[in-house]
Amino acid sequence: MTLNPASCSVVIPVYNGAETLSPLVERLTKVMTAVFPDYEILLVNDGSPDASWQVIQTLAAQDPAHIIGLNLMRNAGQHNALLCGVRAAAKELVITMDDDLQHPPEEIPNLVEALKSDVDVVYAIPKRMPHSAWRNFFSWLTKRSLARVMRINTIRDISSFRLFRTSLRQAFQNYQSPGVILDVLLSWGTDRFKAVIVDEEPRTKGKSNYNFAALVSQALLILTGFSTIPLRFATWLGFLFVLFGFVIFLYVLIATLTAGSIPGFPFLASIVAIFSGVQLFSLGLIGEYIARIFDRSMEHPPYVVGETTQKQ
């Protein structure tokens, strides 16, 4: 059964979005007015070096009843800015989307239509990935890793264009780590996910803030910040190489008994290199986990709001 929610908060993390915010808000306002009797648009400025905050202030002044601006004191990251907006949301549902016009507001009714009584989160998955081949591949790999960590069998693709029930934030209301992945936090509160196919528009202004290094960092955060899969992989890898070492020992023993000798230095050097590589790899994984523990032990807040356009 499709629901008819009465109110919705749209959360948009903003970084260098000065050129796209005005047309985005204009299109979004038309859609939200037609779909929801009551709505709000939360624009969270994530430490943008451009004039994004000034644009947000202007938009909020033009429509203070529906547009709220939040200005973070420094760049905290996309998911941290999302968490800030989600916690500030005051409506029944939350929609999250990017500020670059790649997520068409006109697709929002499709997300609302998919939100039924047995669904808590709806992802908008693009028919075609609009990025370059390498970016699409690493995005696909990161999203599949994220779906694996979330242990949700009903979805395989994840998007930052999503609709979910605001009540889900109760599952992570005390979360304070700087390493934030909103999708994992949502999975703490529900396993009722769904995905719908939508048209995604190509970027017309600016460039993506996600490069190769950022995607790798995001993947490491997903795997080592919210999962023990890498540690288990290291354990199994170590076990396999113990078996490999035992087989090599038998080979050396048999070769010594039958042939009298085996090639010395090259053989030894290759074995040492293999085992040293496995040890360093495993230590690196353990180091990543220690770093996550260190970050959380410092109780560093995921974001700090500097100012807001909303009157107290």
Foldseek 3Di string as FASTA:
>chain_A
DFDQFAEEEEEEEDAPLLPQQVVQVVQLVVLCVVRHVYYAYEYEYQAHPDCVVVSLLVVCVVPVRHYKYFYFPHHLDDQLSVVVRLVVDDGFKYWYDYRQQQDRSVCVVVQSRPDDPLAFKEAEAEPDDQDDPVVVVLQLVLQQLLCVLLVAPQDRGHDRGMMGTSVLCVQVVPPFFLLDDPVSSSSSRDNRYYYDYDHTDHGDDDDDPDDPVNSVVSSLCSDQVRHCVVLVVLVVVVVVVVVVVVVVVVVQVVCCVPVVHDDPDVVVVVNVVVVVVSVVSNVVSVVSNVVSVVRVVVSHGNTHTDDMSRDD
